[in-house]
Amino acid sequence: MTEKIGVYVCHCGSNIAGVVDVEDVAKWAAEKLGRQGVIVARDYKFMCSSLGQELIEKDIKELGLTRVVVAACSPHLHEKTFRIAAQNAGLNPYLVELASIREQVSWVHTDKAVATAKSKAVVSGAVSRVIENTPLEEIKVPINPNTLVVGGGIAGIQSALEIANAGFHVYLVEREPSIGGHMAQFDKTFPTLDCSACILTPRMVEAGTHPNITLLTWSEVVNVAGYVGNFNVTIKKKARFINEELCTGCGICQEKCPKKVIDDVYEAGLGYRKAVYTPFAQAVPNYPVMDKENCTYFEKGTCKACEKFCPTNAIDFNQQDQLLNVEVGNIILATGYDLFDARRVSNYGYGRLPNVFTSLEFERLSNAAGPTTGNIVLRDGKTVPKSVGIIHCVGSRDRNFNNYCSVICCMQGLKFAHLVHERTGATVYNFYIDMRTAYKAYDEFYQRVLEEGTLFVRGKVAEVTDAARYSNEKGKLIIQTEDTLAGKQRRIPVDMVILSSGLQPRHDAKEVGKMFGISCSTDGWFTEKHPKLDPVATMTEGIYIVGCAQGPKDIPSSVAQGAAASARVLDKILQKEVALEPVKATVNKEMCSGCRICNGLCPFNAIAFLADDNVSEINPALCQGCGTCVAACPAGAISGTGFSNEQIIAQIDGLLMRNLEPVEA
């Protein structure tokens, strides 16, 4: 045996040492694995501390170690830490192996003897494996300074402005005719009750006029190729049927258009728009878009009123969709959320009982620019409610729909209660499971709403019905609920019910994730690289997620994430090149049968099929070394650095303690 291996066993405070006899593991490694090349084995309280790292560096230099095994936490957390320590001592960082005895042992066992025995096996496997490790060098690729931001809500706008203000170009793509996202639909924002439009529209205008931002609204990304630093993105710019170079945004075309359409998007179905329209008065850009599905000219070949009255001849019925190709170095996804469809909770009566409203409908109802100019009225358009019930957690914290908390529902419900009090003086009931007001000034707002006289009923609402049992219930909506504080069932008659609907992933999140080479959680949100330590990065280098694309969150958190992702992008741009992990898969072309099984399995779209040669080829810059293709290849033509067959088999032998068997003479 020519290798000199050092084994270092971490206590991790009581995280590992509370369950595993780490001193015994280190002693055992020194005694039993000597024939494998282990010349030193130590245990230490916190191996990841500077003193722990110095211990490893000192042994590498003084004992001439050629391999290092650290038995500690998951490689996901501290593999990089120990690789840097090895590199500082002059050892190739990829000759370090981490044995997870925290997540894989101490956190899943309670029997100390069993945990200690398992730890020895895990260390044995790591020692056998590290012998097969080979020195690797990082792959460096240049960074294109341009950035693509997908999604023009507040998180996307913030991301784009941060990068553009630093002097680098941004392509901001939004599928709707205007940027602004859901925030543009709100009247007030909690807890400060700022006018949403007043704080959002300056940012929208800045993004729309910034010299470093190319704004592509009414557009969608249809293909992504390449890798970090060198993405090639195809964007479909849908036909507006408006010549943007000629249009002045005067609005005459909308005024003269005879066709009215229910606005299911911006007005949430409560108002109308024309067949040629801008979503709202402060839209950016302020060019209208033509609704081809409802335009009389496209339906019957007649009308053209917009064309006749347009003073700049900007109407172009022959306009076609365009495909644009852009080269970018990094991509930020700020694709937002969909609102939970309240019809799915049929016992709450939305869609069946006219005066049951969703949260988004109430936002438009209370908005001064909304269909009722801010007057809170029932569906008849004139009756002011005298009593209102607000139901929290509709579609959230419910195992029948979404088990997670949507974060914003409690504060949204409190904001609605305040607005109803302020505008109507009605009696307001808030039906909640738990009140969650965790962030700055949120609980103070809760106290304020309490002092305003809002009545709170803790308990999950069972049903909203119009079937009256008593005389005071006639003509009312009755909310049937369990009051868990009073310990009794209650029937509360009200005039209006507002459903504080939860947030859920975009309906096409999985397709979008696949296109960009990132994954989704079981709930459907895009998966971050690490939930605590790296919440805006993804497992695909150069792709970042911000705002509600990553999970439910409020406006301040979305803005903070937008800024955070921008900082990460700027960091890469300023370095001008990025070092990639050399743990990659490669195809042996002579063994490849051209079956293409690996092509569809790669979660990072890193494998292309070369039709001329009838073989598959892996792009090393895109490959993340996950090993999926290595395992799937029926011909065994794909091998992975860091996960070679020799390494895996050696590790299995080590786990089974075969490496302890005497060598036959």
Foldseek 3Di string as FASTA:
>chain_A
DPAAEEEEEECCAVLQVVQEVRVVLQVCCCPQCVVLRYPHGYYDHGLLDPVNLVVVLVCCQPVVGQAYEYEEADCLPCLVSNLVSCVVSPHQSQLYHYQHLRVVASVVDRHHVVSHVLSNLSRLLRSLLSVVADRDDWDKDFADQEEEEEAQALLSLLLQCLSVVVPAAYEYEELAQFGHPLLVLFQAAPDVRDGSCVVRLVSRVCQLPRPRYHYQYNKDWDFWDDAARWIKTKMKRFDQLFQPVQDPLPCVLQVQAPAKDQPCPSLVRLDIGGQWDDSADSGVPSHTGGNLVGRPCNVPVDDCRSCVPRPRNGGHPPDGIDMDIDIGNFYEYAHAWDWDDLVVVVQAPVVNDQQEAELSNVRLCQHCRHPLNRADAGSVNDHQWQEEEEEFQRQECDPVHHVHDLACRLLSSLVSLVSSCVRPVHAYEYEEQDRDQDDDCRVVSVVVSVVSHHHYAHWHWDGWALDDDDPVSHQWIWTWTQRVVVGGIDIDTTHHYYYSTGIAHDPCLQVVCQSQLFHADPRRATDFSDVPPTQQHTLGPRYGYAACSRHRDGSVRRSVSSSVVSVVSVVSVVVRMDTHDQFFKFFQLVQFPLPCPLCVVRSQNQWDADVVSSGIGGDRSRGSNPCPSCVPRPSNGMATNVGGPSSVVSSVCSSVVVVSDDDDD
